[in-house]
Amino acid sequence: MSARIKIAYGEHSEQFGHLYLPAEPVDATTPVVVIVHGGFWSGQYGSNLGTQFARAVAGAGAVAWNIEYRRVGAGGHWPQMQQDVRAALDVVAGDLQRHAPVGIDDVRVIGHSAGGHLAVWLGGETGTEVRPSRIVSQAGVLDLEPRGASRKTNPAVEALLQVSYQDDPERYRSASPAARAPIGIPTICLHGFDDVQVPSAHSERYVAAARAAGDDARLTIVPGEDHFAFLDPASQCWRLSLAAVLDRSGEQ
């Protein structure tokens, strides 16, 4: 089992991550996988959701950086979360170097659900010291703007942004990955066909928009699996996630 090293990237108690190193020596060619957990952006859920996947990544020979961030009810809303994921990414070029001499040219980011939102949103950021080489979204909430005739706002999204869509549609758009394409980073969207928490239309719409904008974006819909299959090592969603984020050729 990989040793866990806690690294703080800010002064708040939720601004930290756990680093997992593989058994073999690492160098500038070893991929670094940044893991962004989900949980509806709520402080009820934490980075322990990503621990098992982080250990699997390290067990496969890559470096895993499982990050925590300020969440609703745990010190943050928006924009604190965007500030935190940016800062946690740049740790790879900063304090992480004290523990592993990794390069910064092959840093992959993977996120589940709300973490998928943050991962893909992060890909649209410029000016970060570290630029992801690949992003994998696991049932990501990739379109924050309400759809359908009712234009009803998702309560979790409204809690994140602290305003209704009707009162500030631009805030929703600015926080929505679907509105940021093209990001110029290869992106793989994985989604369970039976997902009722985050319908697969989120990934479908994002990939269509990203491709239309010229991005390398790919979509896999997994039959017979739901939103939480990504947390189950026995699932096809888990296997596809590991393959997508670890494959050194960049192909599934």
C-alpha atoms as a PDB file:
ATOM      1  CA  MET A   1       0.000   0.000   0.000  1.00  0.00           C
ATOM      2  CA  SER A   2       1.311   3.458  -0.955  1.00  0.00           C
ATOM      3  CA  ALA A   3       2.400   5.843   1.788  1.00  0.00           C
ATOM      4  CA  ARG A   4       0.309   9.006   2.124  1.00  0.00           C
ATOM      5  CA  ILE A   5       1.960  12.411   2.442  1.00  0.00           C
ATOM      6  CA  LYS A   6      -0.169  15.405   3.416  1.00  0.00           C
ATOM      7  CA  ILE A   7       0.732  18.710   1.762  1.00  0.00           C
ATOM      8  CA  ALA A   8      -0.994  22.020   2.529  1.00  0.00           C
ATOM      9  CA  TYR A   9      -1.371  24.555  -0.283  1.00  0.00           C
ATOM     10  CA  GLY A  10      -3.036  27.293   1.780  1.00  0.00           C
ATOM     11  CA  GLU A  11      -3.799  28.378   5.320  1.00  0.00           C
ATOM     12  CA  HIS A  12      -7.393  27.108   5.501  1.00  0.00           C
ATOM     13  CA  SER A  13      -7.878  23.662   7.027  1.00  0.00           C
ATOM     14  CA  GLU A  14      -9.482  22.414   3.798  1.00  0.00           C
ATOM     15  CA  GLN A  15      -6.598  23.533   1.571  1.00  0.00           C
ATOM     16  CA  PHE A  16      -4.520  20.384   1.406  1.00  0.00           C
ATOM     17  CA  GLY A  17      -3.988  17.226  -0.565  1.00  0.00           C
ATOM     18  CA  HIS A  18      -2.578  13.741  -0.100  1.00  0.00           C
ATOM     19  CA  LEU A  19       0.332  12.618  -2.245  1.00  0.00           C
ATOM     20  CA  TYR A  20       0.715   8.926  -3.102  1.00  0.00           C
ATOM     21  CA  LEU A  21       3.974   7.732  -4.648  1.00  0.00           C
ATOM     22  CA  PRO A  22       4.471   4.488  -6.576  1.00  0.00           C
ATOM     23  CA  ALA A  23       6.830   1.816  -5.272  1.00  0.00           C
ATOM     24  CA  GLU A  24       9.300   2.390  -8.096  1.00  0.00           C
ATOM     25  CA  PRO A  25      11.450   5.561  -8.331  1.00  0.00           C
ATOM     26  CA  VAL A  26       9.872   8.527 -10.100  1.00  0.00           C
ATOM     27  CA  ASP A  27      11.386  11.104 -12.416  1.00  0.00           C
ATOM     28  CA  ALA A  28      10.336  13.815 -14.866  1.00  0.00           C
ATOM     29  CA  THR A  29       8.716  11.232 -17.160  1.00  0.00           C
ATOM     30  CA  THR A  30       6.394   9.793 -14.493  1.00  0.00           C
ATOM     31  CA  PRO A  31       2.792  10.930 -15.013  1.00  0.00           C
ATOM     32  CA  VAL A  32       1.171  12.895 -12.205  1.00  0.00           C
ATOM     33  CA  VAL A  33      -2.575  12.350 -11.732  1.00  0.00           C
ATOM     34  CA  VAL A  34      -4.516  15.053  -9.897  1.00  0.00           C
ATOM     35  CA  ILE A  35      -7.734  13.628  -8.407  1.00  0.00           C
ATOM     36  CA  VAL A  36     -10.666  15.962  -7.695  1.00  0.00           C
ATOM     37  CA  HIS A  37     -13.408  14.319  -5.640  1.00  0.00           C
ATOM     38  CA  GLY A  38     -17.108  14.936  -6.058  1.00  0.00           C
ATOM     39  CA  GLY A  39     -20.017  15.226  -3.669  1.00  0.00           C
ATOM     40  CA  PHE A  40     -22.256  18.026  -4.944  1.00  0.00           C
ATOM     41  CA  TRP A  41     -19.598  20.643  -3.936  1.00  0.00           C
ATOM     42  CA  SER A  42     -20.753  19.996  -0.362  1.00  0.00           C
ATOM     43  CA  GLY A  43     -18.679  19.939   2.786  1.00  0.00           C
ATOM     44  CA  GLN A  44     -20.509  16.744   3.732  1.00  0.00           C
ATOM     45  CA  TYR A  45     -18.157  14.916   1.356  1.00  0.00           C
ATOM     46  CA  GLY A  46     -14.372  14.953   1.365  1.00  0.00           C
ATOM     47  CA  SER A  47     -11.228  13.801  -0.356  1.00  0.00           C
ATOM     48  CA  ASN A  48     -11.573  10.327   1.165  1.00  0.00           C
ATOM     49  CA  LEU A  49     -13.868   9.667  -1.816  1.00  0.00           C
ATOM     50  CA  GLY A  50     -10.750   9.748  -3.985  1.00  0.00           C
ATOM     51  CA  THR A  51      -8.423   7.779  -1.709  1.00  0.00           C
ATOM     52  CA  GLN A  52      -9.049   4.342  -3.198  1.00  0.00           C
ATOM     53  CA  PHE A  53      -8.576   5.609  -6.747  1.00  0.00           C
ATOM     54  CA  ALA A  54      -5.398   7.450  -5.722  1.00  0.00           C
ATOM     55  CA  ARG A  55      -3.950   4.251  -4.314  1.00  0.00           C
ATOM     56  CA  ALA A  56      -4.825   2.433  -7.540  1.00  0.00           C
ATOM     57  CA  VAL A  57      -3.056   5.121  -9.579  1.00  0.00           C
ATOM     58  CA  ALA A  58       0.080   4.853  -7.442  1.00  0.00           C
ATOM     59  CA  GLY A  59      -0.120   1.072  -7.610  1.00  0.00           C
ATOM     60  CA  ALA A  60      -0.030   1.352 -11.397  1.00  0.00           C
ATOM     61  CA  GLY A  61       3.218   3.342 -11.303  1.00  0.00           C
ATOM     62  CA  ALA A  62       2.054   6.965 -11.483  1.00  0.00           C
ATOM     63  CA  VAL A  63       2.072   9.733  -8.893  1.00  0.00           C
ATOM     64  CA  ALA A  64      -1.342  10.526  -7.392  1.00  0.00           C
ATOM     65  CA  TRP A  65      -2.234  13.919  -5.897  1.00  0.00           C
ATOM     66  CA  ASN A  66      -5.659  13.646  -4.234  1.00  0.00           C
ATOM     67  CA  ILE A  67      -6.788  17.165  -3.427  1.00  0.00           C
ATOM     68  CA  GLU A  68      -9.201  18.681  -0.968  1.00  0.00           C
ATOM     69  CA  TYR A  69     -10.734  22.124  -1.461  1.00  0.00           C
ATOM     70  CA  ARG A  70     -13.049  24.546   0.322  1.00  0.00           C
ATOM     71  CA  ARG A  71     -16.640  23.425  -0.215  1.00  0.00           C
ATOM     72  CA  VAL A  72     -20.149  24.635   0.569  1.00  0.00           C
ATOM     73  CA  GLY A  73     -20.421  24.461   4.352  1.00  0.00           C
ATOM     74  CA  ALA A  74     -16.658  23.896   4.647  1.00  0.00           C
ATOM     75  CA  GLY A  75     -15.179  27.309   4.000  1.00  0.00           C
ATOM     76  CA  GLY A  76     -16.054  28.031   0.410  1.00  0.00           C
ATOM     77  CA  HIS A  77     -18.400  28.572  -2.488  1.00  0.00           C
ATOM     78  CA  TRP A  78     -17.502  30.055  -5.839  1.00  0.00           C
ATOM     79  CA  PRO A  79     -14.904  31.554  -6.457  1.00  0.00           C
ATOM     80  CA  GLN A  80     -13.048  29.911  -3.528  1.00  0.00           C
ATOM     81  CA  MET A  81     -13.254  26.512  -5.213  1.00  0.00           C
ATOM     82  CA  GLN A  82     -11.788  27.791  -8.455  1.00  0.00           C
ATOM     83  CA  GLN A  83      -8.973  29.438  -6.518  1.00  0.00           C
ATOM     84  CA  ASP A  84      -8.290  26.206  -4.650  1.00  0.00           C
ATOM     85  CA  VAL A  85      -8.149  23.869  -7.645  1.00  0.00           C
ATOM     86  CA  ARG A  86      -5.801  26.295  -9.406  1.00  0.00           C
ATOM     87  CA  ALA A  87      -3.545  26.459  -6.347  1.00  0.00           C
ATOM     88  CA  ALA A  88      -3.619  22.690  -5.821  1.00  0.00           C
ATOM     89  CA  LEU A  89      -2.622  22.114  -9.447  1.00  0.00           C
ATOM     90  CA  ASP A  90       0.358  24.431  -9.154  1.00  0.00           C
ATOM     91  CA  VAL A  91       1.561  22.514  -6.079  1.00  0.00           C
ATOM     92  CA  VAL A  92       2.920  19.968  -8.587  1.00  0.00           C
ATOM     93  CA  ALA A  93       5.537  22.552  -9.562  1.00  0.00           C
ATOM     94  CA  GLY A  94       5.956  23.722  -5.968  1.00  0.00           C
ATOM     95  CA  ASP A  95       5.899  21.893  -2.635  1.00  0.00           C
ATOM     96  CA  LEU A  96       5.283  18.497  -4.239  1.00  0.00           C
ATOM     97  CA  GLN A  97       8.815  18.699  -5.633  1.00  0.00           C
ATOM     98  CA  ARG A  98      10.205  18.288  -2.118  1.00  0.00           C
ATOM     99  CA  HIS A  99       8.823  14.753  -2.116  1.00  0.00           C
ATOM    100  CA  ALA A 100       9.163  13.627  -5.739  1.00  0.00           C
ATOM    101  CA  PRO A 101      11.242  15.002  -8.627  1.00  0.00           C
ATOM    102  CA  VAL A 102       8.400  14.829 -11.132  1.00  0.00           C
ATOM    103  CA  GLY A 103       8.049  16.873 -14.285  1.00  0.00           C
ATOM    104  CA  ILE A 104       5.201  19.279 -14.937  1.00  0.00           C
ATOM    105  CA  ASP A 105       4.645  18.487 -18.624  1.00  0.00           C
ATOM    106  CA  ASP A 106       2.512  15.382 -18.071  1.00  0.00           C
ATOM    107  CA  VAL A 107       0.013  16.232 -15.358  1.00  0.00           C
ATOM    108  CA  ARG A 108      -3.381  14.615 -15.874  1.00  0.00           C
ATOM    109  CA  VAL A 109      -6.517  15.748 -14.012  1.00  0.00           C
ATOM    110  CA  ILE A 110      -9.483  13.487 -13.257  1.00  0.00           C
ATOM    111  CA  GLY A 111     -12.657  14.394 -11.403  1.00  0.00           C
ATOM    112  CA  HIS A 112     -15.932  12.722 -10.504  1.00  0.00           C
ATOM    113  CA  SER A 113     -19.303  14.492 -10.574  1.00  0.00           C
ATOM    114  CA  ALA A 114     -18.761  17.955  -9.024  1.00  0.00           C
ATOM    115  CA  GLY A 115     -15.061  17.127  -9.235  1.00  0.00           C
ATOM    116  CA  GLY A 116     -15.524  16.555 -12.961  1.00  0.00           C
ATOM    117  CA  HIS A 117     -16.946  20.067 -13.198  1.00  0.00           C
ATOM    118  CA  LEU A 118     -13.901  21.481 -11.415  1.00  0.00           C
ATOM    119  CA  ALA A 119     -11.448  19.402 -13.467  1.00  0.00           C
ATOM    120  CA  VAL A 120     -12.820  20.474 -16.843  1.00  0.00           C
ATOM    121  CA  TRP A 121     -13.314  24.070 -15.691  1.00  0.00           C
ATOM    122  CA  LEU A 122      -9.656  24.071 -14.643  1.00  0.00           C
ATOM    123  CA  GLY A 123      -8.677  23.107 -18.164  1.00  0.00           C
ATOM    124  CA  GLY A 124     -10.051  26.420 -19.371  1.00  0.00           C
ATOM    125  CA  GLU A 125      -7.797  28.419 -17.071  1.00  0.00           C
ATOM    126  CA  THR A 126      -4.737  30.209 -18.383  1.00  0.00           C
ATOM    127  CA  GLY A 127      -1.848  31.579 -16.390  1.00  0.00           C
ATOM    128  CA  THR A 128      -1.409  28.517 -14.196  1.00  0.00           C
ATOM    129  CA  GLU A 129       2.148  27.356 -13.660  1.00  0.00           C
ATOM    130  CA  VAL A 130       1.099  23.801 -14.508  1.00  0.00           C
ATOM    131  CA  ARG A 131      -1.015  23.104 -17.579  1.00  0.00           C
ATOM    132  CA  PRO A 132      -2.847  19.722 -17.651  1.00  0.00           C
ATOM    133  CA  SER A 133      -1.855  17.377 -20.453  1.00  0.00           C
ATOM    134  CA  ARG A 134      -5.161  15.497 -20.250  1.00  0.00           C
ATOM    135  CA  ILE A 135      -8.487  15.772 -18.435  1.00  0.00           C
ATOM    136  CA  VAL A 136     -10.848  12.928 -17.588  1.00  0.00           C
ATOM    137  CA  SER A 137     -14.391  13.703 -16.471  1.00  0.00           C
ATOM    138  CA  GLN A 138     -16.280  10.971 -14.624  1.00  0.00           C
ATOM    139  CA  ALA A 139     -19.987  11.818 -14.829  1.00  0.00           C
ATOM    140  CA  GLY A 140     -19.035  15.476 -14.611  1.00  0.00           C
ATOM    141  CA  VAL A 141     -21.509  18.306 -14.065  1.00  0.00           C
ATOM    142  CA  LEU A 142     -20.329  20.063 -17.193  1.00  0.00           C
ATOM    143  CA  ASP A 143     -23.235  22.398 -17.919  1.00  0.00           C
ATOM    144  CA  LEU A 144     -24.368  24.606 -15.026  1.00  0.00           C
ATOM    145  CA  GLU A 145     -26.906  26.595 -17.004  1.00  0.00           C
ATOM    146  CA  PRO A 146     -30.448  25.203 -16.509  1.00  0.00           C
ATOM    147  CA  ARG A 147     -32.047  23.572 -19.526  1.00  0.00           C
ATOM    148  CA  GLY A 148     -35.659  22.946 -20.475  1.00  0.00           C
ATOM    149  CA  ALA A 149     -38.685  25.189 -20.539  1.00  0.00           C
ATOM    150  CA  SER A 150     -38.761  25.729 -16.768  1.00  0.00           C
ATOM    151  CA  ARG A 151     -35.156  26.972 -16.579  1.00  0.00           C
ATOM    152  CA  LYS A 152     -35.186  25.576 -13.058  1.00  0.00           C
ATOM    153  CA  THR A 153     -31.896  25.826 -11.186  1.00  0.00           C
ATOM    154  CA  ASN A 154     -30.340  22.734  -9.636  1.00  0.00           C
ATOM    155  CA  PRO A 155     -30.319  23.364  -5.825  1.00  0.00           C
ATOM    156  CA  ALA A 156     -26.705  22.160  -5.487  1.00  0.00           C
ATOM    157  CA  VAL A 157     -25.579  24.526  -8.248  1.00  0.00           C
ATOM    158  CA  GLU A 158     -27.472  27.409  -6.671  1.00  0.00           C
ATOM    159  CA  ALA A 159     -25.801  26.658  -3.328  1.00  0.00           C
ATOM    160  CA  LEU A 160     -22.435  26.663  -5.080  1.00  0.00           C
ATOM    161  CA  LEU A 161     -22.972  29.987  -6.853  1.00  0.00           C
ATOM    162  CA  GLN A 162     -25.111  31.610  -4.119  1.00  0.00           C
ATOM    163  CA  VAL A 163     -27.537  33.132  -6.593  1.00  0.00           C
ATOM    164  CA  SER A 164     -30.366  31.998  -8.833  1.00  0.00           C
ATOM    165  CA  TYR A 165     -29.878  31.706 -12.570  1.00  0.00           C
ATOM    166  CA  GLN A 166     -32.608  34.270 -13.170  1.00  0.00           C
ATOM    167  CA  ASP A 167     -30.754  36.835 -11.036  1.00  0.00           C
ATOM    168  CA  ASP A 168     -27.274  36.278 -12.482  1.00  0.00           C
ATOM    169  CA  PRO A 169     -27.097  34.119 -15.615  1.00  0.00           C
ATOM    170  CA  GLU A 170     -23.577  35.335 -16.402  1.00  0.00           C
ATOM    171  CA  ARG A 171     -22.263  33.893 -13.117  1.00  0.00           C
ATOM    172  CA  TYR A 172     -23.629  30.490 -14.159  1.00  0.00           C
ATOM    173  CA  ARG A 173     -22.083  30.784 -17.579  1.00  0.00           C
ATOM    174  CA  SER A 174     -18.675  31.825 -16.243  1.00  0.00           C
ATOM    175  CA  ALA A 175     -18.575  28.779 -13.930  1.00  0.00           C
ATOM    176  CA  SER A 176     -19.820  26.321 -16.561  1.00  0.00           C
ATOM    177  CA  PRO A 177     -17.265  24.175 -18.420  1.00  0.00           C
ATOM    178  CA  ALA A 178     -19.643  23.949 -21.386  1.00  0.00           C
ATOM    179  CA  ALA A 179     -19.213  27.678 -21.968  1.00  0.00           C
ATOM    180  CA  ARG A 180     -15.395  27.563 -21.919  1.00  0.00           C
ATOM    181  CA  ALA A 181     -14.630  25.467 -25.006  1.00  0.00           C
ATOM    182  CA  PRO A 182     -12.218  25.348 -26.649  1.00  0.00           C
ATOM    183  CA  ILE A 183      -9.705  24.683 -23.876  1.00  0.00           C
ATOM    184  CA  GLY A 184      -6.996  23.108 -26.032  1.00  0.00           C
ATOM    185  CA  ILE A 185      -6.541  20.046 -23.806  1.00  0.00           C
ATOM    186  CA  PRO A 186      -7.516  16.468 -24.755  1.00  0.00           C
ATOM    187  CA  THR A 187     -10.590  15.625 -22.703  1.00  0.00           C
ATOM    188  CA  ILE A 188     -12.217  12.238 -22.107  1.00  0.00           C
ATOM    189  CA  CYS A 189     -15.764  12.212 -20.758  1.00  0.00           C
ATOM    190  CA  LEU A 190     -17.024   8.995 -19.193  1.00  0.00           C
ATOM    191  CA  HIS A 191     -20.632   8.579 -18.091  1.00  0.00           C
ATOM    192  CA  GLY A 192     -22.868   5.767 -16.924  1.00  0.00           C
ATOM    193  CA  PHE A 193     -25.976   5.276 -19.046  1.00  0.00           C
ATOM    194  CA  ASP A 194     -28.099   4.700 -15.914  1.00  0.00           C
ATOM    195  CA  ASP A 195     -26.951   7.882 -14.150  1.00  0.00           C
ATOM    196  CA  VAL A 196     -29.933   9.749 -12.677  1.00  0.00           C
ATOM    197  CA  GLN A 197     -27.957  12.124 -10.436  1.00  0.00           C
ATOM    198  CA  VAL A 198     -26.118  13.719 -13.375  1.00  0.00           C
ATOM    199  CA  PRO A 199     -27.719  12.741 -16.696  1.00  0.00           C
ATOM    200  CA  SER A 200     -25.335  11.724 -19.456  1.00  0.00           C
ATOM    201  CA  ALA A 201     -26.615  14.690 -21.488  1.00  0.00           C
ATOM    202  CA  HIS A 202     -24.060  16.777 -19.560  1.00  0.00           C
ATOM    203  CA  SER A 203     -21.177  14.877 -21.136  1.00  0.00           C
ATOM    204  CA  GLU A 204     -22.897  14.593 -24.509  1.00  0.00           C
ATOM    205  CA  ARG A 205     -23.489  18.338 -24.766  1.00  0.00           C
ATOM    206  CA  TYR A 206     -19.983  19.153 -23.600  1.00  0.00           C
ATOM    207  CA  VAL A 207     -18.240  16.843 -26.056  1.00  0.00           C
ATOM    208  CA  ALA A 208     -20.383  18.095 -28.936  1.00  0.00           C
ATOM    209  CA  ALA A 209     -19.584  21.728 -28.097  1.00  0.00           C
ATOM    210  CA  ALA A 210     -15.885  21.033 -27.531  1.00  0.00           C
ATOM    211  CA  ARG A 211     -15.528  19.185 -30.829  1.00  0.00           C
ATOM    212  CA  ALA A 212     -17.393  21.938 -32.680  1.00  0.00           C
ATOM    213  CA  ALA A 213     -14.924  24.412 -31.177  1.00  0.00           C
ATOM    214  CA  GLY A 214     -11.968  22.319 -32.366  1.00  0.00           C
ATOM    215  CA  ASP A 215     -11.023  20.472 -29.168  1.00  0.00           C
ATOM    216  CA  ASP A 216      -9.952  16.833 -28.929  1.00  0.00           C
ATOM    217  CA  ALA A 217     -12.882  15.595 -26.845  1.00  0.00           C
ATOM    218  CA  ARG A 218     -14.120  12.010 -26.582  1.00  0.00           C
ATOM    219  CA  LEU A 219     -17.171  10.436 -25.009  1.00  0.00           C
ATOM    220  CA  THR A 220     -17.830   6.956 -23.630  1.00  0.00           C
ATOM    221  CA  ILE A 221     -21.273   6.056 -22.285  1.00  0.00           C
ATOM    222  CA  VAL A 222     -21.093   2.919 -20.146  1.00  0.00           C
ATOM    223  CA  PRO A 223     -24.209   0.724 -20.383  1.00  0.00           C
ATOM    224  CA  GLY A 224     -25.756  -0.665 -17.221  1.00  0.00           C
ATOM    225  CA  GLU A 225     -23.838   1.533 -14.754  1.00  0.00           C
ATOM    226  CA  ASP A 226     -24.870   4.542 -12.701  1.00  0.00           C
ATOM    227  CA  HIS A 227     -23.398   7.657 -11.120  1.00  0.00           C
ATOM    228  CA  PHE A 228     -21.706   5.848  -8.258  1.00  0.00           C
ATOM    229  CA  ALA A 229     -20.106   3.104 -10.349  1.00  0.00           C
ATOM    230  CA  PHE A 230     -17.023   5.328 -10.601  1.00  0.00           C
ATOM    231  CA  LEU A 231     -16.413   4.670  -6.897  1.00  0.00           C
ATOM    232  CA  ASP A 232     -16.563   0.880  -7.309  1.00  0.00           C
ATOM    233  CA  PRO A 233     -13.293  -0.872  -8.274  1.00  0.00           C
ATOM    234  CA  ALA A 234     -15.296  -3.769  -9.707  1.00  0.00           C
ATOM    235  CA  SER A 235     -17.118  -1.580 -12.222  1.00  0.00           C
ATOM    236  CA  GLN A 236     -16.482  -0.921 -15.879  1.00  0.00           C
ATOM    237  CA  CYS A 237     -16.541   2.827 -15.116  1.00  0.00           C
ATOM    238  CA  TRP A 238     -13.607   2.374 -12.727  1.00  0.00           C
ATOM    239  CA  ARG A 239     -11.625   0.324 -15.229  1.00  0.00           C
ATOM    240  CA  LEU A 240     -12.205   2.814 -18.021  1.00  0.00           C
ATOM    241  CA  SER A 241     -11.237   5.685 -15.719  1.00  0.00           C
ATOM    242  CA  LEU A 242      -7.901   4.114 -14.852  1.00  0.00           C
ATOM    243  CA  ALA A 243      -7.210   3.325 -18.498  1.00  0.00           C
ATOM    244  CA  ALA A 244      -8.124   6.844 -19.606  1.00  0.00           C
ATOM    245  CA  VAL A 245      -5.986   8.629 -17.068  1.00  0.00           C
ATOM    246  CA  LEU A 246      -2.981   6.287 -17.057  1.00  0.00           C
ATOM    247  CA  ASP A 247      -2.515   5.275 -20.693  1.00  0.00           C
ATOM    248  CA  ARG A 248       0.742   6.897 -21.766  1.00  0.00           C
ATOM    249  CA  SER A 249      -0.230   6.972 -25.433  1.00  0.00           C
ATOM    250  CA  GLY A 250      -3.196   9.220 -24.767  1.00  0.00           C
ATOM    251  CA  GLU A 251      -5.555   6.725 -26.366  1.00  0.00           C
ATOM    252  CA  GLN A 252      -8.208   4.643 -24.649  1.00  0.00           C
END
